[in-house]
Protein backbone atom coordinates (compact mmCIF):
# COMPACT_ATOMS: atom_id res chain seq x y z
CA MET A 1 -5.45 4.27 23.33
CA ARG A 2 -1.48 4.77 22.17
CA ALA A 3 -0.86 6.90 19.11
CA ILE A 4 2.19 8.03 17.31
CA VAL A 5 1.79 11.93 17.08
CA CYS A 6 3.65 14.62 14.59
CA GLN A 7 3.03 17.35 17.01
CA GLN A 8 5.24 19.82 14.19
CA TYR A 9 6.42 19.26 10.48
CA GLY A 10 10.19 17.73 11.08
CA PRO A 11 12.00 14.40 10.58
CA PRO A 12 11.24 10.90 12.34
CA GLU A 13 13.09 11.48 15.20
CA ASP A 14 10.83 14.26 16.45
CA LEU A 15 7.51 12.14 16.84
CA VAL A 16 6.27 10.98 20.04
CA LEU A 17 4.65 8.28 21.67
CA GLN A 18 1.33 9.66 23.20
CA GLU A 19 -2.10 8.70 24.75
CA LEU A 20 -5.09 9.81 23.23
CA PRO A 21 -8.55 9.00 23.26
CA ASP A 22 -10.45 5.85 21.80
CA PRO A 23 -11.84 6.99 18.66
CA THR A 24 -15.46 6.63 18.19
CA PRO A 25 -17.41 5.76 14.73
CA GLY A 26 -19.46 7.41 12.56
CA PRO A 27 -21.83 6.62 9.82
CA GLY A 28 -19.72 4.47 6.91
CA THR A 29 -17.13 4.25 9.49
CA MET A 30 -15.47 1.74 11.82
CA VAL A 31 -12.96 1.42 14.47
CA VAL A 32 -10.38 -1.17 13.96
CA ARG A 33 -8.03 -2.52 16.66
CA VAL A 34 -4.69 -2.03 14.93
CA ARG A 35 -2.61 -5.13 14.60
CA ALA A 36 0.27 -4.28 11.54
CA ALA A 37 0.91 -1.00 10.14
CA ALA A 38 2.78 -0.77 7.02
CA VAL A 39 5.35 2.41 6.37
CA ASN A 40 5.24 4.04 2.96
CA PHE A 41 7.59 6.67 1.86
CA PRO A 42 4.80 9.43 1.79
CA ASP A 43 4.65 9.13 5.65
CA VAL A 44 8.19 10.24 5.87
CA LEU A 45 7.25 13.24 3.16
CA MET A 46 4.00 13.98 5.38
CA ILE A 47 5.27 14.41 8.62
CA ASP A 48 7.81 16.77 7.17
CA GLY A 49 5.46 18.89 5.83
CA LYS A 50 6.52 17.77 1.93
CA TYR A 51 3.62 15.92 0.52
CA GLN A 52 1.36 17.31 -1.90
CA LEU A 53 -1.30 17.73 0.56
CA LYS A 54 0.03 18.85 4.02
CA ILE A 55 -2.08 17.54 7.02
CA PRO A 56 -2.56 20.08 9.93
CA THR A 57 -0.40 18.59 12.35
CA PRO A 58 -0.66 17.64 15.02
CA PHE A 59 -1.58 13.87 13.70
CA THR A 60 -0.82 10.45 13.52
CA PRO A 61 0.69 9.40 10.62
CA GLY A 62 0.23 6.29 9.11
CA SER A 63 -1.90 5.06 6.07
CA GLU A 64 -2.20 1.13 5.58
CA LEU A 65 -3.08 -0.96 8.30
CA SER A 66 -4.70 -4.35 9.11
CA GLY A 67 -6.28 -5.42 12.59
CA ASP A 68 -9.77 -6.61 14.28
CA VAL A 69 -13.08 -4.50 14.16
CA ILE A 70 -14.01 -3.54 17.27
CA ALA A 71 -16.96 -1.13 16.79
CA VAL A 72 -19.18 -0.02 13.58
CA GLY A 73 -21.53 3.13 12.61
CA ASP A 74 -24.09 3.34 10.67
CA GLY A 75 -24.56 1.79 7.04
CA VAL A 76 -20.80 -0.59 7.35
CA PRO A 77 -21.02 -3.76 6.16
CA PHE A 78 -18.35 -5.17 8.34
CA ALA A 79 -19.09 -6.58 11.91
CA PRO A 80 -16.91 -6.56 14.98
CA GLY A 81 -14.48 -9.13 15.31
CA ASP A 82 -13.93 -9.33 11.41
CA ARG A 83 -10.22 -9.28 10.27
CA VAL A 84 -10.12 -6.09 7.84
CA ALA A 85 -7.07 -4.82 5.85
CA GLY A 86 -7.35 -1.19 4.35
CA THR A 87 -6.17 2.23 3.84
CA SER A 88 -7.00 5.76 5.55
CA PHE A 89 -5.00 9.15 5.04
CA VAL A 90 -3.65 9.01 8.45
CA GLY A 91 -4.25 7.43 11.69
CA GLY A 92 -2.86 3.95 11.02
CA PHE A 93 0.50 4.54 13.90
CA ALA A 94 -2.08 3.64 17.18
CA GLU A 95 -3.15 1.08 19.04
CA GLN A 96 -7.02 1.98 17.54
CA ALA A 97 -7.72 3.59 14.17
CA LEU A 98 -10.96 4.84 12.33
CA LEU A 99 -11.47 3.23 8.65
CA PRO A 100 -13.57 4.25 6.45
CA ALA A 101 -15.53 1.19 5.19
CA ALA A 102 -14.99 2.05 1.91
CA ALA A 103 -11.54 1.94 1.83
CA ALA A 104 -11.26 -1.72 3.81
CA SER A 105 -11.53 -5.20 2.97
CA ALA A 106 -11.81 -8.71 4.54
CA ILE A 107 -8.28 -10.55 4.90
CA PRO A 108 -8.33 -13.66 3.14
CA ASP A 109 -7.99 -16.97 5.32
CA GLY A 110 -4.24 -17.93 5.95
CA VAL A 111 -2.50 -14.08 5.44
CA ASP A 112 -1.87 -12.99 8.55
CA TYR A 113 -1.48 -9.18 9.84
CA ALA A 114 1.96 -8.51 8.15
CA ALA A 115 1.35 -9.64 4.81
CA ALA A 116 -2.65 -7.74 4.80
CA ALA A 117 -1.16 -4.55 5.67
CA GLY A 118 1.60 -4.66 3.57
CA PHE A 119 -0.33 -5.52 0.78
CA GLY A 120 -3.00 -2.67 -0.18
CA VAL A 121 -1.00 0.45 -1.36
CA THR A 122 2.38 -0.42 -2.88
CA TYR A 123 -0.02 -3.51 -4.62
CA ARG A 124 -2.46 -1.32 -6.01
CA THR A 125 -0.17 1.52 -6.98
CA ALA A 126 2.08 -1.12 -9.13
CA TYR A 127 -0.91 -3.05 -10.66
CA HIS A 128 -2.29 -0.11 -11.35
CA ALA A 129 1.01 1.26 -13.37
CA LEU A 130 1.72 -2.65 -14.52
CA ARG A 131 -1.87 -3.32 -16.10
CA SER A 132 -3.68 0.27 -16.60
CA VAL A 133 -0.76 2.99 -17.59
CA ALA A 134 1.61 1.10 -19.14
CA GLN A 135 -0.99 -1.44 -20.47
CA VAL A 136 1.98 -4.57 -19.94
CA VAL A 137 0.95 -7.63 -21.99
CA GLN A 138 2.36 -11.19 -21.47
CA GLY A 139 6.30 -11.12 -22.80
CA ASP A 140 7.07 -7.20 -22.58
CA TRP A 141 10.64 -6.37 -21.00
CA VAL A 142 9.61 -4.29 -17.58
CA VAL A 143 12.17 -2.35 -16.43
CA VAL A 144 11.52 -1.62 -12.21
CA LEU A 145 13.83 1.33 -10.54
CA GLY A 146 14.04 0.97 -6.97
CA ALA A 147 13.06 -2.71 -7.64
CA ALA A 148 13.87 -3.42 -3.62
CA GLY A 149 11.69 -0.77 -2.43
CA GLY A 150 7.92 -1.13 -1.58
CA VAL A 151 6.55 -0.09 -4.81
CA GLY A 152 9.00 -1.48 -6.89
CA LEU A 153 9.05 -5.30 -5.33
CA ALA A 154 5.67 -5.14 -5.53
CA ALA A 155 5.92 -4.17 -9.23
CA VAL A 156 8.48 -7.51 -9.64
CA ASP A 157 6.47 -9.61 -8.07
CA LEU A 158 3.55 -8.78 -10.14
CA GLY A 159 5.29 -8.19 -13.32
CA VAL A 160 6.25 -11.77 -13.07
CA ALA A 161 2.73 -12.64 -12.01
CA MET A 162 1.54 -11.08 -15.21
CA GLY A 163 4.06 -13.67 -17.50
CA ALA A 164 6.20 -10.14 -18.14
CA ARG A 165 10.38 -10.68 -18.17
CA VAL A 166 11.25 -8.39 -15.12
CA LEU A 167 14.19 -6.23 -14.87
CA ALA A 168 15.01 -4.87 -11.63
CA ALA A 169 17.11 -1.97 -10.93
CA ALA A 170 18.02 -1.06 -7.43
CA SER A 171 21.57 -0.12 -5.93
CA SER A 172 23.02 -2.84 -3.37
CA PRO A 173 23.64 -6.69 -4.28
CA GLU A 174 21.77 -7.68 -1.43
CA LYS A 175 18.75 -5.42 -2.77
CA LEU A 176 19.18 -7.42 -6.35
CA ALA A 177 19.41 -10.92 -4.67
CA VAL A 178 15.75 -10.60 -3.32
CA CYS A 179 14.84 -9.33 -6.80
CA THR A 180 16.45 -12.21 -8.02
CA GLU A 181 14.87 -14.56 -5.15
CA ARG A 182 10.71 -13.03 -6.34
CA GLY A 183 11.09 -13.80 -9.59
CA ALA A 184 13.21 -11.44 -12.23
CA GLU A 185 14.48 -12.27 -14.76
CA ALA A 186 17.59 -10.38 -14.88
CA VAL A 187 18.78 -7.21 -12.66
CA ILE A 188 21.16 -4.55 -12.63
CA ASP A 189 22.77 -2.79 -10.05
CA TYR A 190 22.47 0.95 -11.14
CA ASP A 191 25.26 2.60 -8.67
CA ARG A 192 27.92 0.49 -10.36
CA GLU A 193 26.76 -0.37 -13.70
CA ASP A 194 25.94 2.07 -16.81
CA LEU A 195 22.41 1.24 -16.76
CA LYS A 196 21.16 2.48 -20.30
CA VAL A 197 23.61 0.26 -21.59
CA ARG A 198 22.97 -2.45 -19.37
CA ILE A 199 19.42 -2.16 -20.08
CA ARG A 200 20.22 -2.47 -24.10
CA GLU A 201 22.17 -5.58 -23.58
CA ILE A 202 19.75 -7.30 -21.60
CA THR A 203 16.43 -6.81 -23.44
CA GLY A 204 18.36 -6.29 -26.96
CA ASP A 205 16.02 -3.90 -28.78
CA GLY A 206 15.37 -2.03 -25.73
CA ALA A 207 12.32 -1.64 -22.99
CA GLN A 208 8.69 -2.18 -23.33
CA ALA A 209 8.35 -0.25 -20.27
CA VAL A 210 9.77 1.60 -17.03
CA LEU A 211 8.09 2.20 -13.91
CA ASP A 212 10.00 4.89 -11.67
CA PRO A 213 9.00 5.20 -8.24
CA VAL A 214 12.34 6.97 -7.95
CA GLY A 215 13.65 9.99 -10.02
CA GLY A 216 17.05 11.34 -9.52
CA ARG A 217 19.83 10.53 -12.29
CA TYR A 218 18.31 7.15 -12.68
CA ALA A 219 15.28 8.16 -14.96
CA GLU A 220 16.70 9.41 -18.17
CA PRO A 221 18.88 6.94 -18.92
CA ALA A 222 16.36 4.19 -18.39
CA LEU A 223 14.05 6.52 -20.74
CA ARG A 224 16.51 6.12 -23.06
CA SER A 225 16.89 2.18 -23.09
CA LEU A 226 12.91 2.07 -24.22
CA ALA A 227 12.11 0.44 -27.55
CA ARG A 228 10.43 2.65 -30.01
CA GLY A 229 6.96 2.98 -28.66
CA GLY A 230 7.58 2.34 -25.22
CA ARG A 231 6.08 3.33 -21.81
CA PHE A 232 7.78 5.61 -19.31
CA VAL A 233 5.61 5.51 -16.10
CA THR A 234 6.46 7.80 -13.50
CA LEU A 235 5.42 7.24 -9.53
CA GLY A 236 7.53 9.05 -7.21
CA TYR A 237 10.93 10.32 -6.46
CA ALA A 238 12.81 8.65 -3.85
CA ALA A 239 15.87 9.74 -4.85
CA GLY A 240 14.99 13.04 -3.57
CA SER A 241 15.58 15.36 -6.90
CA ILE A 242 12.64 15.65 -9.59
CA PRO A 243 14.21 14.54 -13.30
CA ALA A 244 13.96 17.12 -15.91
CA ILE A 245 13.62 14.98 -18.89
CA PRO A 246 14.64 16.08 -23.06
CA LEU A 247 11.29 15.66 -24.94
CA ASN A 248 13.37 15.16 -28.18
CA LEU A 249 14.09 11.92 -26.73
CA VAL A 250 10.16 11.25 -26.54
CA MET A 251 9.41 12.60 -30.10
CA LEU A 252 12.10 10.45 -31.73
CA LYS A 253 10.99 7.42 -30.22
CA GLY A 254 7.44 7.74 -29.96
CA ILE A 255 7.51 7.45 -26.27
CA THR A 256 4.93 7.77 -23.98
CA VAL A 257 5.57 9.24 -20.63
CA GLN A 258 2.82 9.54 -17.78
CA GLY A 259 2.88 9.63 -14.00
CA MET A 260 0.14 7.80 -12.26
CA GLU A 261 -0.44 9.11 -8.41
CA ILE A 262 -2.55 6.25 -6.45
CA ARG A 263 -4.42 9.01 -4.16
CA THR A 264 -5.91 9.99 -7.25
CA PHE A 265 -6.53 7.09 -9.62
CA ALA A 266 -10.02 5.61 -8.60
CA ASP A 267 -10.94 8.92 -9.68
CA ASP A 268 -9.82 10.02 -12.56
CA HIS A 269 -10.07 6.21 -13.99
CA PRO A 270 -12.90 4.38 -11.90
CA GLU A 271 -13.44 1.62 -15.01
CA TYR A 272 -10.06 0.64 -14.39
CA ASN A 273 -9.92 1.09 -10.94
CA GLU A 274 -12.52 -1.11 -10.75
CA ARG A 275 -10.93 -4.02 -13.12
CA ASP A 276 -7.59 -3.94 -11.38
CA LEU A 277 -8.59 -4.36 -7.75
CA THR A 278 -10.96 -7.29 -8.34
CA GLU A 279 -8.16 -8.97 -10.61
CA LEU A 280 -5.63 -7.73 -8.06
CA GLN A 281 -7.35 -9.53 -4.99
CA ARG A 282 -8.03 -12.76 -6.83
CA LEU A 283 -4.17 -12.60 -7.10
CA PHE A 284 -3.69 -12.24 -3.14
CA ALA A 285 -6.27 -14.40 -2.33
CA GLU A 286 -4.74 -17.24 -4.80
CA GLY A 287 -1.72 -17.23 -3.31
CA ARG A 288 0.31 -15.79 -6.33
CA VAL A 289 1.46 -12.70 -4.97
CA SER A 290 2.24 -11.38 -0.99
CA PRO A 291 4.36 -8.45 -0.13
CA TYR A 292 7.85 -8.95 1.18
CA ILE A 293 8.49 -8.21 4.51
CA GLY A 294 11.69 -6.36 5.26
CA ALA A 295 12.16 -5.85 8.66
CA ARG A 296 9.42 -5.10 11.68
CA PHE A 297 9.51 -2.49 14.33
CA PRO A 298 7.10 -2.22 17.43
CA LEU A 299 4.93 0.54 17.49
CA ALA A 300 7.24 2.55 20.60
CA GLU A 301 10.08 2.76 17.65
CA THR A 302 7.74 3.79 14.58
CA ALA A 303 9.92 6.71 14.42
CA ALA A 304 13.16 4.03 13.70
CA ALA A 305 11.03 2.46 10.65
CA LEU A 306 10.61 5.65 9.23
CA ARG A 307 14.15 6.50 9.44
CA TYR A 308 14.82 3.30 8.14
CA VAL A 309 12.53 3.98 5.09
CA ALA A 310 13.98 7.79 4.77
CA ASP A 311 17.73 7.05 4.32
CA ARG A 312 16.96 4.09 1.26
CA LYS A 313 17.41 0.86 3.58
CA ALA A 314 14.44 -0.72 3.28
CA ILE A 315 13.36 -4.14 1.55
CA GLY A 316 10.34 -4.46 0.16
CA LYS A 317 7.61 -3.73 3.10
CA ILE A 318 8.36 -2.65 6.83
CA ILE A 319 6.07 -3.29 9.02
CA ILE A 320 5.00 -1.78 12.91
CA ASP A 321 3.31 -4.36 15.06
CA VAL A 322 0.98 -3.30 17.42
């Protein structure tokens, strides 16, 4: 099979396309003929050796995929020919992938491979953040930073479906146009407008929640715009720097600041995880939410796809067609 290989830590341009042996399933795993894989910002960090966990090289990056089951190990509740989507820490940018059955689900009828591949990681992250961490309810003002990115646009989509009033903040008119198309009630161009002032003008008394997958210089003004008792959820640092938050702001307004990481959420909160995934799958199967596919690349151009994400050009999900 052909696969993208990270031979040593570095930029996307150092990745190579190689022939590798076909994988063989063991107990609890299955081999999937990959039809589509999704690019996530952590993939960029992994190949550069900057993710929280370092994967020993060489390895095939890619954590989110969809395709057809071609072989199964013992104890797997799927059969060859089944259409599935799932996650695996690495291995997705290849013609075949070894996928843990516990991390896979059947693709609903009428859903194509690209949408199925792009749904899992970002939508789970956004839904856990909205539902379980920020505890958003109908009518809440929710500010989404980096709103045109993978997690951001998923949060816009889900916030609208939950009945929240979504205020999308992003860095260009093109990105904000997509957010409006996806149902955001209001938008802010935070590279050209004063983020704190505009949030206050739009929401009146301030927002009830902020979801921040960006970090950098946007975090503090967004936190300052929260209403008393608001919730600030930090999800990542795509801007490249980790913000330092003045704790007096948290104290004076009774704000809750909490982090959420998809990799550990299920272990930390198993009851919330089960509830959230059941609700999320229902929303997806009913067609009430679905990822926005901003660009597609063939397997041989995976490096270009990762560069596209690294340079913050992506809108919604970036898909590798395999």
